[in-house]
Amino acid sequence: MEVEMKIRGLMMDPVTNMPIVILKDIGSDTVLPIWVGVYEANAIALEIEKVTTPRPMTHDLIKNVLTGLDTQVHKVVVTELREDTFYAVIWLERLGQVVSIDSRPSDALALALRMDCPIFVEDEVLKNSKLAANVSDRVTSEELRKWLEGLGDDTGRARQPEADGWSEGRSAHRTILAIA
């Protein structure tokens, strides 16, 4: 069974300095953190903040191609967790034919935001993920709880990378949301 989730925001792993996408079950307090690369997090953050770039970024291009081909994105699903790697599928429909496309979760999520389609996680992924249950040793559940409580209706504060760390601010090229 699939569980519908929303992107609640992005944060930085305080140990590895890698971005984490936070998915939250729309019907409960269950959260699923997924570690992603900086560029993938940037693609998600740009859309969360509705930042327009002078030229289409990769996920914008994919949206434009799908729209131009009259193809609908019905949903994206995080389908599997295998050897600490999440897997996802993008469900498309064109001319009455439904097609599933294998994807990295970060790309599926970035596209879902742009196409305004629902995001699901297989309940087996949630059950098998130690991260969903206790949010991992890398980020304590208390840190995550405080961060999520502070989100309200928006998704957090924009932060941008500098050579020696993260500073307050906003950049159309490198926006990341992080724990303040």
Protein backbone atom coordinates (compact mmCIF):
# COMPACT_ATOMS: atom_id res chain seq x y z
CA MET A 1 0.00 0.00 0.00
CA GLU A 2 1.16 3.51 -0.75
CA VAL A 3 1.22 6.29 1.83
CA GLU A 4 0.76 9.85 0.53
CA MET A 5 3.42 12.26 1.71
CA LYS A 6 4.40 15.89 1.22
CA ILE A 7 7.81 17.47 1.06
CA ARG A 8 8.10 19.23 4.42
CA GLY A 9 11.42 20.84 3.64
CA LEU A 10 15.13 20.35 3.39
CA MET A 11 17.74 20.31 6.10
CA MET A 12 21.45 19.67 6.39
CA ASP A 13 22.86 16.57 8.05
CA PRO A 14 25.02 18.10 10.80
CA VAL A 15 27.53 15.24 10.55
CA THR A 16 28.00 14.82 6.80
CA ASN A 17 26.82 18.27 5.63
CA MET A 18 24.66 16.49 3.05
CA PRO A 19 21.15 17.75 2.32
CA ILE A 20 18.17 15.73 3.54
CA VAL A 21 14.70 15.92 1.99
CA ILE A 22 12.04 15.52 4.68
CA LEU A 23 8.89 13.73 3.57
CA LYS A 24 5.93 13.77 5.98
CA ASP A 25 2.88 11.53 5.91
CA ILE A 26 -0.16 13.74 5.30
CA GLY A 27 -2.23 11.61 7.69
CA SER A 28 0.18 11.18 10.60
CA ASP A 29 3.42 12.40 12.15
CA THR A 30 5.56 9.87 10.28
CA VAL A 31 8.52 11.44 8.54
CA LEU A 32 10.98 9.94 6.10
CA PRO A 33 14.33 11.68 5.61
CA ILE A 34 16.07 10.95 2.32
CA TRP A 35 19.70 12.03 1.90
CA VAL A 36 20.30 13.63 -1.51
CA GLY A 37 23.10 15.41 -3.31
CA VAL A 38 23.61 19.17 -3.18
CA TYR A 39 22.54 19.72 -6.80
CA GLU A 40 19.41 17.62 -6.34
CA ALA A 41 18.53 19.50 -3.16
CA ASN A 42 19.07 22.75 -5.03
CA ALA A 43 16.59 21.67 -7.72
CA ILE A 44 14.00 20.89 -5.04
CA ALA A 45 14.67 24.10 -3.10
CA LEU A 46 14.35 26.28 -6.21
CA GLU A 47 10.86 24.94 -6.81
CA ILE A 48 9.82 25.09 -3.14
CA GLU A 49 10.77 28.76 -3.09
CA LYS A 50 9.35 29.40 -6.58
CA VAL A 51 12.67 30.84 -7.76
CA THR A 52 12.71 31.49 -11.50
CA THR A 53 15.95 30.93 -13.34
CA PRO A 54 16.87 32.77 -16.55
CA ARG A 55 16.99 29.47 -18.47
CA PRO A 56 15.22 26.17 -17.73
CA MET A 57 16.99 23.86 -15.32
CA THR A 58 16.96 20.10 -16.01
CA HIS A 59 13.71 19.37 -14.15
CA ASP A 60 12.05 22.39 -15.77
CA LEU A 61 13.14 21.03 -19.16
CA ILE A 62 11.64 17.62 -18.31
CA LYS A 63 8.39 19.34 -17.32
CA ASN A 64 8.37 21.31 -20.58
CA VAL A 65 8.99 18.16 -22.64
CA LEU A 66 6.24 16.22 -20.85
CA THR A 67 3.79 19.12 -21.20
CA GLY A 68 4.72 19.56 -24.87
CA LEU A 69 4.04 15.88 -25.48
CA ASP A 70 0.69 16.14 -23.66
CA THR A 71 1.87 13.71 -20.99
CA GLN A 72 0.51 13.79 -17.45
CA VAL A 73 2.50 12.81 -14.39
CA HIS A 74 0.01 10.97 -12.18
CA LYS A 75 2.26 10.37 -9.20
CA VAL A 76 5.74 9.57 -7.98
CA VAL A 77 6.35 6.68 -5.61
CA VAL A 78 9.35 5.88 -3.44
CA THR A 79 9.15 2.13 -3.99
CA GLU A 80 12.11 0.52 -2.32
CA LEU A 81 14.93 0.83 0.17
CA ARG A 82 17.78 -1.49 -0.66
CA GLU A 83 21.29 -1.35 0.83
CA ASP A 84 20.65 2.18 2.20
CA THR A 85 19.54 3.42 -1.24
CA PHE A 86 16.00 4.59 -1.99
CA TYR A 87 14.39 3.87 -5.36
CA ALA A 88 11.45 5.63 -6.99
CA VAL A 89 9.09 5.37 -9.95
CA ILE A 90 7.41 8.17 -11.90
CA TRP A 91 3.96 7.23 -13.25
CA LEU A 92 3.14 8.94 -16.58
CA GLU A 93 0.16 8.80 -18.92
CA ARG A 94 0.16 9.72 -22.58
CA LEU A 95 -2.58 8.96 -25.09
CA GLY A 96 -4.25 6.63 -22.60
CA GLN A 97 -1.11 4.56 -22.05
CA VAL A 98 0.31 4.42 -18.50
CA VAL A 99 4.09 4.11 -18.23
CA SER A 100 6.32 3.76 -15.17
CA ILE A 101 9.80 5.26 -15.28
CA ASP A 102 12.59 4.25 -12.88
CA SER A 103 14.03 7.29 -11.11
CA ARG A 104 16.16 8.47 -8.26
CA PRO A 105 13.88 9.78 -5.52
CA SER A 106 15.47 13.24 -5.68
CA ASP A 107 14.65 13.59 -9.39
CA ALA A 108 11.14 12.19 -8.90
CA LEU A 109 10.51 14.65 -6.05
CA ALA A 110 11.86 17.63 -8.03
CA LEU A 111 9.59 16.69 -10.94
CA ALA A 112 6.58 16.09 -8.66
CA LEU A 113 6.90 19.62 -7.30
CA ARG A 114 7.03 21.09 -10.80
CA MET A 115 4.15 18.97 -12.13
CA ASP A 116 2.07 19.40 -8.96
CA CYS A 117 1.45 15.67 -8.62
CA PRO A 118 1.14 13.57 -5.46
CA ILE A 119 4.09 11.89 -3.77
CA PHE A 120 3.74 8.43 -2.26
CA VAL A 121 5.98 6.07 -0.31
CA GLU A 122 5.36 2.32 -0.19
CA ASP A 123 4.44 1.44 3.39
CA GLU A 124 7.01 -1.37 3.23
CA VAL A 125 9.70 1.30 2.74
CA LEU A 126 8.46 3.13 5.84
CA LYS A 127 8.36 -0.10 7.86
CA ASN A 128 11.84 -1.16 6.77
CA SER A 129 13.43 2.22 7.20
CA LYS A 130 15.06 2.74 10.56
CA LEU A 131 15.11 6.39 9.53
CA ALA A 132 11.31 6.62 9.47
CA ALA A 133 11.01 5.10 12.92
CA ASN A 134 13.74 6.90 14.82
CA VAL A 135 15.18 9.32 12.26
CA SER A 136 18.69 7.85 12.35
CA ASP A 137 21.71 8.39 14.53
CA ARG A 138 22.89 11.19 12.23
CA VAL A 139 19.99 13.51 13.05
CA THR A 140 18.33 13.16 16.42
CA SER A 141 14.56 12.98 16.55
CA GLU A 142 14.59 15.96 18.92
CA GLU A 143 16.43 18.14 16.36
CA LEU A 144 14.03 17.07 13.65
CA ARG A 145 10.95 17.61 15.87
CA LYS A 146 12.09 21.14 16.76
CA TRP A 147 12.85 21.89 13.12
CA LEU A 148 9.49 20.57 11.88
CA GLU A 149 7.59 22.44 14.63
CA GLY A 150 9.20 25.66 13.48
CA LEU A 151 8.10 25.20 9.88
CA GLY A 152 4.46 26.24 10.12
CA ASP A 153 2.99 26.67 6.64
CA ASP A 154 6.22 27.64 4.94
CA THR A 155 9.24 25.40 4.46
CA GLY A 156 11.93 27.07 6.53
CA ARG A 157 14.60 29.65 5.97
CA ALA A 158 16.73 29.85 2.87
CA ARG A 159 20.43 29.34 3.38
CA GLN A 160 23.18 29.47 0.82
CA PRO A 161 26.56 27.75 0.75
CA GLU A 162 29.80 29.61 1.24
CA ALA A 163 33.32 28.28 1.00
CA ASP A 164 33.52 27.79 4.76
CA GLY A 165 29.93 26.74 5.54
CA TRP A 166 26.35 27.96 5.29
CA SER A 167 25.20 31.53 5.65
CA GLU A 168 21.82 33.22 5.75
CA GLY A 169 20.64 34.44 2.37
CA ARG A 170 19.11 33.46 -0.94
CA SER A 171 20.66 32.53 -4.24
CA ALA A 172 18.91 31.48 -7.44
CA HIS A 173 21.77 29.10 -8.12
CA ARG A 174 22.31 27.38 -4.80
CA THR A 175 19.39 27.64 -2.39
CA ILE A 176 19.21 25.04 0.36
CA LEU A 177 16.88 25.00 3.34
CA ALA A 178 18.56 23.97 6.55
CA ILE A 179 18.27 23.87 10.30
CA ALA A 180 18.84 27.38 11.55
